[in-house]
C-alpha atoms as a PDB file:
ATOM      1  CA  MET A   1      65.972 -88.101  51.657  1.00  0.00           C
ATOM      2  CA  PRO A   2      67.905 -91.228  51.315  1.00  0.00           C
ATOM      3  CA  LYS A   3      70.241 -92.035  48.677  1.00  0.00           C
ATOM      4  CA  ILE A   4      71.820 -94.918  46.921  1.00  0.00           C
ATOM      5  CA  THR A   5      75.948 -95.466  47.997  1.00  0.00           C
ATOM      6  CA  GLY A   6      77.364 -97.335  45.649  1.00  0.00           C
ATOM      7  CA  GLY A   7      76.738 -99.267  42.388  1.00  0.00           C
ATOM      8  CA  ASN A   8      75.443 -97.818  38.927  1.00  0.00           C
ATOM      9  CA  LEU A   9      73.025 -95.756  40.891  1.00  0.00           C
ATOM     10  CA  ARG A  10      75.131 -93.931  43.015  1.00  0.00           C
ATOM     11  CA  SER A  11      73.897 -90.613  44.334  1.00  0.00           C
ATOM     12  CA  ARG A  12      70.533 -91.339  42.905  1.00  0.00           C
ATOM     13  CA  LYS A  13      67.656 -89.679  45.727  1.00  0.00           C
ATOM     14  CA  LEU A  14      64.697 -91.514  46.694  1.00  0.00           C
ATOM     15  CA  ALA A  15      61.698 -90.122  47.677  1.00  0.00           C
ATOM     16  CA  SER A  16      61.133 -90.994  51.276  1.00  0.00           C
ATOM     17  CA  PRO A  17      57.182 -90.926  52.180  1.00  0.00           C
ATOM     18  CA  LYS A  18      56.339 -88.994  55.019  1.00  0.00           C
ATOM     19  CA  GLY A  19      54.763 -90.291  58.518  1.00  0.00           C
ATOM     20  CA  ALA A  20      55.661 -93.237  60.737  1.00  0.00           C
ATOM     21  CA  ASN A  21      55.191 -95.927  58.023  1.00  0.00           C
ATOM     22  CA  VAL A  22      59.065 -95.467  57.231  1.00  0.00           C
ATOM     23  CA  ARG A  23      62.015 -95.398  59.158  1.00  0.00           C
ATOM     24  CA  PRO A  24      64.796 -95.639  56.995  1.00  0.00           C
ATOM     25  CA  THR A  25      68.379 -97.359  57.631  1.00  0.00           C
ATOM     26  CA  PRO A  26      71.112 -94.801  58.326  1.00  0.00           C
ATOM     27  CA  GLY A  27      73.136 -93.882  55.506  1.00  0.00           C
ATOM     28  CA  ARG A  28      76.594 -95.141  57.418  1.00  0.00           C
ATOM     29  CA  VAL A  29      74.650 -98.401  58.323  1.00  0.00           C
ATOM     30  CA  LYS A  30      73.776 -99.006  54.924  1.00  0.00           C
ATOM     31  CA  GLU A  31      77.317 -98.324  53.806  1.00  0.00           C
ATOM     32  CA  ALA A  32      78.787-100.965  56.457  1.00  0.00           C
ATOM     33  CA  LEU A  33      76.220-103.370  55.467  1.00  0.00           C
ATOM     34  CA  PHE A  34      76.696-103.426  51.493  1.00  0.00           C
ATOM     35  CA  SER A  35      80.584-103.489  52.475  1.00  0.00           C
ATOM     36  CA  ILE A  36      80.434-106.477  54.363  1.00  0.00           C
ATOM     37  CA  LEU A  37      78.049-108.130  51.608  1.00  0.00           C
ATOM     38  CA  GLN A  38      79.846-107.186  48.589  1.00  0.00           C
ATOM     39  CA  PRO A  39      81.092-110.625  47.202  1.00  0.00           C
ATOM     40  CA  ARG A  40      77.928-111.772  47.709  1.00  0.00           C
ATOM     41  CA  ILE A  41      75.403-109.408  45.971  1.00  0.00           C
ATOM     42  CA  ASP A  42      76.595-109.709  42.152  1.00  0.00           C
ATOM     43  CA  GLY A  43      74.090-111.728  40.420  1.00  0.00           C
ATOM     44  CA  ALA A  44      72.278-112.426  43.906  1.00  0.00           C
ATOM     45  CA  ARG A  45      68.324-113.088  44.611  1.00  0.00           C
ATOM     46  CA  PHE A  46      67.936-110.680  47.432  1.00  0.00           C
ATOM     47  CA  LEU A  47      64.497-110.346  49.615  1.00  0.00           C
ATOM     48  CA  ASP A  48      64.184-106.812  51.430  1.00  0.00           C
ATOM     49  CA  LEU A  49      61.081-107.229  54.019  1.00  0.00           C
ATOM     50  CA  PHE A  50      59.642-104.429  55.670  1.00  0.00           C
ATOM     51  CA  ALA A  51      61.316-102.562  52.643  1.00  0.00           C
ATOM     52  CA  GLY A  52      60.033 -99.441  53.779  1.00  0.00           C
ATOM     53  CA  THR A  53      61.311 -96.679  51.330  1.00  0.00           C
ATOM     54  CA  GLY A  54      62.951-100.097  49.588  1.00  0.00           C
ATOM     55  CA  ALA A  55      66.615 -98.035  49.839  1.00  0.00           C
ATOM     56  CA  ILE A  56      68.134-101.445  50.772  1.00  0.00           C
ATOM     57  CA  GLY A  57      66.626-103.446  47.720  1.00  0.00           C
ATOM     58  CA  PHE A  58      67.568-100.484  45.506  1.00  0.00           C
ATOM     59  CA  GLU A  59      71.063-100.469  46.994  1.00  0.00           C
ATOM     60  CA  ALA A  60      71.352-104.108  46.177  1.00  0.00           C
ATOM     61  CA  ALA A  61      70.009-103.754  42.565  1.00  0.00           C
ATOM     62  CA  SER A  62      72.250-101.016  41.953  1.00  0.00           C
ATOM     63  CA  ARG A  63      75.199-103.022  43.165  1.00  0.00           C
ATOM     64  CA  GLY A  64      74.351-106.216  40.462  1.00  0.00           C
ATOM     65  CA  ALA A  65      71.710-108.158  42.377  1.00  0.00           C
ATOM     66  CA  ARG A  66      69.690-109.794  39.883  1.00  0.00           C
ATOM     67  CA  ARG A  67      66.326-109.665  41.100  1.00  0.00           C
ATOM     68  CA  VAL A  68      65.115-107.980  44.481  1.00  0.00           C
ATOM     69  CA  VAL A  69      61.801-108.202  46.088  1.00  0.00           C
ATOM     70  CA  CYS A  70      60.570-105.469  48.232  1.00  0.00           C
ATOM     71  CA  VAL A  71      57.718-106.568  50.623  1.00  0.00           C
ATOM     72  CA  GLU A  72      55.793-103.520  52.254  1.00  0.00           C
ATOM     73  CA  ALA A  73      52.545-104.058  54.328  1.00  0.00           C
ATOM     74  CA  HIS A  74      51.902 -99.996  53.707  1.00  0.00           C
ATOM     75  CA  HIS A  75      50.248 -99.974  50.031  1.00  0.00           C
ATOM     76  CA  GLY A  76      51.158 -96.412  49.651  1.00  0.00           C
ATOM     77  CA  THR A  77      54.814 -96.907  50.755  1.00  0.00           C
ATOM     78  CA  ALA A  78      54.676 -99.805  48.369  1.00  0.00           C
ATOM     79  CA  ASP A  79      53.419 -97.786  45.868  1.00  0.00           C
ATOM     80  CA  ALA A  80      56.034 -95.358  46.146  1.00  0.00           C
ATOM     81  CA  ILE A  81      58.566 -98.222  45.803  1.00  0.00           C
ATOM     82  CA  ARG A  82      57.426 -99.164  42.489  1.00  0.00           C
ATOM     83  CA  ALA A  83      57.493 -95.521  40.982  1.00  0.00           C
ATOM     84  CA  ALA A  84      61.203 -95.133  42.074  1.00  0.00           C
ATOM     85  CA  ALA A  85      61.822 -98.238  40.876  1.00  0.00           C
ATOM     86  CA  ALA A  86      60.316 -97.256  37.290  1.00  0.00           C
ATOM     87  CA  ALA A  87      62.246 -93.740  37.982  1.00  0.00           C
ATOM     88  CA  LEU A  88      65.523 -95.643  38.436  1.00  0.00           C
ATOM     89  CA  GLY A  89      64.999 -97.589  35.320  1.00  0.00           C
ATOM     90  CA  ILE A  90      65.027-101.120  37.624  1.00  0.00           C
ATOM     91  CA  SER A  91      61.751-102.272  37.308  1.00  0.00           C
ATOM     92  CA  GLY A  92      62.989-105.297  35.534  1.00  0.00           C
ATOM     93  CA  VAL A  93      64.956-105.960  38.521  1.00  0.00           C
ATOM     94  CA  VAL A  94      62.753-104.947  41.283  1.00  0.00           C
ATOM     95  CA  GLU A  95      59.375-106.521  42.398  1.00  0.00           C
ATOM     96  CA  VAL A  96      57.419-105.289  45.035  1.00  0.00           C
ATOM     97  CA  VAL A  97      54.946-107.039  46.860  1.00  0.00           C
ATOM     98  CA  ALA A  98      52.137-104.779  48.728  1.00  0.00           C
ATOM     99  CA  ALA A  99      51.369-107.111  51.898  1.00  0.00           C
ATOM    100  CA  PRO A 100      51.820-108.153  55.497  1.00  0.00           C
ATOM    101  CA  VAL A 101      55.339-110.317  55.311  1.00  0.00           C
ATOM    102  CA  ASP A 102      54.059-113.350  56.918  1.00  0.00           C
ATOM    103  CA  ARG A 103      51.191-113.341  54.055  1.00  0.00           C
ATOM    104  CA  ALA A 104      53.833-112.085  51.333  1.00  0.00           C
ATOM    105  CA  LEU A 105      56.255-115.186  52.460  1.00  0.00           C
ATOM    106  CA  TYR A 106      53.625-117.729  51.309  1.00  0.00           C
ATOM    107  CA  ARG A 107      53.157-115.918  47.948  1.00  0.00           C
ATOM    108  CA  LEU A 108      56.689-115.799  47.017  1.00  0.00           C
ATOM    109  CA  GLU A 109      59.109-118.155  45.255  1.00  0.00           C
ATOM    110  CA  GLY A 110      62.569-118.515  46.118  1.00  0.00           C
ATOM    111  CA  PRO A 111      64.950-119.326  46.829  1.00  0.00           C
ATOM    112  CA  PHE A 112      66.859-115.709  48.039  1.00  0.00           C
ATOM    113  CA  ASP A 113      70.644-115.804  48.548  1.00  0.00           C
ATOM    114  CA  VAL A 114      70.415-112.459  50.868  1.00  0.00           C
ATOM    115  CA  VAL A 115      67.354-111.517  52.952  1.00  0.00           C
ATOM    116  CA  TYR A 116      67.175-108.463  54.885  1.00  0.00           C
ATOM    117  CA  ALA A 117      64.514-107.469  57.431  1.00  0.00           C
ATOM    118  CA  ASP A 118      64.138-104.418  59.340  1.00  0.00           C
ATOM    119  CA  PRO A 119      60.477-104.622  61.237  1.00  0.00           C
ATOM    120  CA  PRO A 120      59.393-102.076  63.347  1.00  0.00           C
ATOM    121  CA  TYR A 121      61.527-102.297  66.587  1.00  0.00           C
ATOM    122  CA  ALA A 122      58.598-102.145  69.142  1.00  0.00           C
ATOM    123  CA  ASP A 123      57.170-105.322  67.148  1.00  0.00           C
ATOM    124  CA  GLY A 124      59.916-107.717  68.714  1.00  0.00           C
ATOM    125  CA  VAL A 125      61.886-110.289  66.699  1.00  0.00           C
ATOM    126  CA  PRO A 126      59.614-111.830  64.122  1.00  0.00           C
ATOM    127  CA  LEU A 127      60.062-115.679  64.831  1.00  0.00           C
ATOM    128  CA  GLN A 128      57.126-116.421  62.640  1.00  0.00           C
ATOM    129  CA  MET A 129      59.316-115.113  59.514  1.00  0.00           C
ATOM    130  CA  PHE A 130      62.059-116.710  60.475  1.00  0.00           C
ATOM    131  CA  ARG A 131      60.132-119.792  60.579  1.00  0.00           C
ATOM    132  CA  LEU A 132      58.351-119.399  56.902  1.00  0.00           C
ATOM    133  CA  LEU A 133      61.528-118.740  55.228  1.00  0.00           C
ATOM    134  CA  LEU A 134      62.575-122.258  56.355  1.00  0.00           C
ATOM    135  CA  ASP A 135      59.292-123.980  55.744  1.00  0.00           C
ATOM    136  CA  ARG A 136      58.722-122.606  52.555  1.00  0.00           C
ATOM    137  CA  GLU A 137      61.921-123.064  51.211  1.00  0.00           C
ATOM    138  CA  LEU A 138      62.788-119.691  50.238  1.00  0.00           C
ATOM    139  CA  LEU A 139      66.593-119.793  51.590  1.00  0.00           C
ATOM    140  CA  ALA A 140      69.372-121.023  49.172  1.00  0.00           C
ATOM    141  CA  GLU A 141      71.743-123.201  50.900  1.00  0.00           C
ATOM    142  CA  ASP A 142      74.284-120.489  51.937  1.00  0.00           C
ATOM    143  CA  ALA A 143      71.823-117.783  52.163  1.00  0.00           C
ATOM    144  CA  VAL A 144      72.416-115.063  54.808  1.00  0.00           C
ATOM    145  CA  VAL A 145      69.830-113.302  56.895  1.00  0.00           C
ATOM    146  CA  ILE A 146      70.578-109.948  58.035  1.00  0.00           C
ATOM    147  CA  PHE A 147      67.791-108.927  60.803  1.00  0.00           C
ATOM    148  CA  GLU A 148      68.158-104.987  61.883  1.00  0.00           C
ATOM    149  CA  HIS A 149      66.977-104.190  65.299  1.00  0.00           C
ATOM    150  CA  GLY A 150      67.446-101.931  68.245  1.00  0.00           C
ATOM    151  CA  ALA A 151      71.217-102.019  69.872  1.00  0.00           C
ATOM    152  CA  ARG A 152      69.600-102.829  72.967  1.00  0.00           C
ATOM    153  CA  THR A 153      67.877-105.916  72.339  1.00  0.00           C
ATOM    154  CA  ILE A 154      68.877-108.861  73.042  1.00  0.00           C
ATOM    155  CA  LEU A 155      68.162-111.746  70.692  1.00  0.00           C
ATOM    156  CA  PRO A 156      67.253-115.083  71.588  1.00  0.00           C
ATOM    157  CA  GLU A 157      68.008-118.359  70.079  1.00  0.00           C
ATOM    158  CA  ILE A 158      66.329-118.645  66.578  1.00  0.00           C
ATOM    159  CA  PRO A 159      65.319-122.135  65.485  1.00  0.00           C
ATOM    160  CA  GLY A 160      66.683-123.198  62.554  1.00  0.00           C
ATOM    161  CA  TYR A 161      69.476-120.724  62.040  1.00  0.00           C
ATOM    162  CA  ARG A 162      73.018-119.869  63.475  1.00  0.00           C
ATOM    163  CA  THR A 163      74.045-116.635  64.256  1.00  0.00           C
ATOM    164  CA  GLY A 164      77.134-115.113  62.843  1.00  0.00           C
ATOM    165  CA  ARG A 165      78.323-111.724  63.310  1.00  0.00           C
ATOM    166  CA  GLU A 166      76.292-108.912  65.062  1.00  0.00           C
ATOM    167  CA  GLU A 167      77.478-105.297  64.331  1.00  0.00           C
ATOM    168  CA  VAL A 168      76.282-102.314  66.276  1.00  0.00           C
ATOM    169  CA  TYR A 169      75.971 -98.838  64.912  1.00  0.00           C
ATOM    170  CA  GLY A 170      75.051 -95.914  67.279  1.00  0.00           C
ATOM    171  CA  ASP A 171      71.227 -97.317  68.265  1.00  0.00           C
ATOM    172  CA  VAL A 172      71.079 -99.947  65.262  1.00  0.00           C
ATOM    173  CA  ALA A 173      72.355-103.634  65.236  1.00  0.00           C
ATOM    174  CA  LEU A 174      72.549-105.695  62.588  1.00  0.00           C
ATOM    175  CA  ALA A 175      72.499-109.643  63.177  1.00  0.00           C
ATOM    176  CA  PHE A 176      73.727-111.920  60.573  1.00  0.00           C
ATOM    177  CA  PHE A 177      72.368-115.400  60.445  1.00  0.00           C
ATOM    178  CA  THR A 178      72.824-118.440  58.224  1.00  0.00           C
ATOM    179  CA  ILE A 179      70.875-121.858  58.122  1.00  0.00           C
ATOM    180  CA  ARG A 180      71.700-124.239  61.084  1.00  0.00           C
ATOM    181  CA  ALA A 181      72.857-127.476  59.373  1.00  0.00           C
ATOM    182  CA  SER A 182      70.931-130.285  60.832  1.00  0.00           C
ATOM    183  CA  SER A 183      74.069-132.175  62.113  1.00  0.00           C
ATOM    184  CA  ASP A 184      74.759-128.519  64.180  1.00  0.00           C
ATOM    185  CA  SER A 185      71.602-129.093  66.592  1.00  0.00           C
ATOM    186  CA  ASP A 186      72.187-132.924  67.019  1.00  0.00           C
ATOM    187  CA  PRO A 187      74.380-133.047  70.529  1.00  0.00           C
ATOM    188  CA  ALA A 188      75.564-136.520  69.684  1.00  0.00           C
ATOM    189  CA  ARG A 189      77.543-135.264  66.618  1.00  0.00           C
END
């Protein structure tokens, strides 16, 4: 059963739906992620894509994010996130969208300061998701997009983004992206 590792909801446990719909991010990866993100979280607008249990979004809310949107395609799992938000007393901060990510991105209003995407590893890199985040202007100017993937996956160049750091924790890797400035892609500059 995943639990929140920091902030005002620290040590609160989250119900985890059974089955193949959910693959919670390991606790040590979550702790490392939020150690890296800590300066950005307080007051942030946080988007948790492929949310699963909602643990990443709840962690952001616990650590001071002012708005958290969890997107989860599986309706039963999305309902469990809503129930957990109510049980934790953070329904006013956490919004749940029950839809596939690409469809949800057409309905969301941004901008977001931090985006966390944890799609099923077997699905590959969701280039459409990255494109929609830019095309729909869902990212703040200094936003960071964190993409969780299998450590053996070699990421392609992602149009419109600059790769920052990549952290590997056993079989799990986190890639950090920022928006590529238009001057970054012009070799004449």
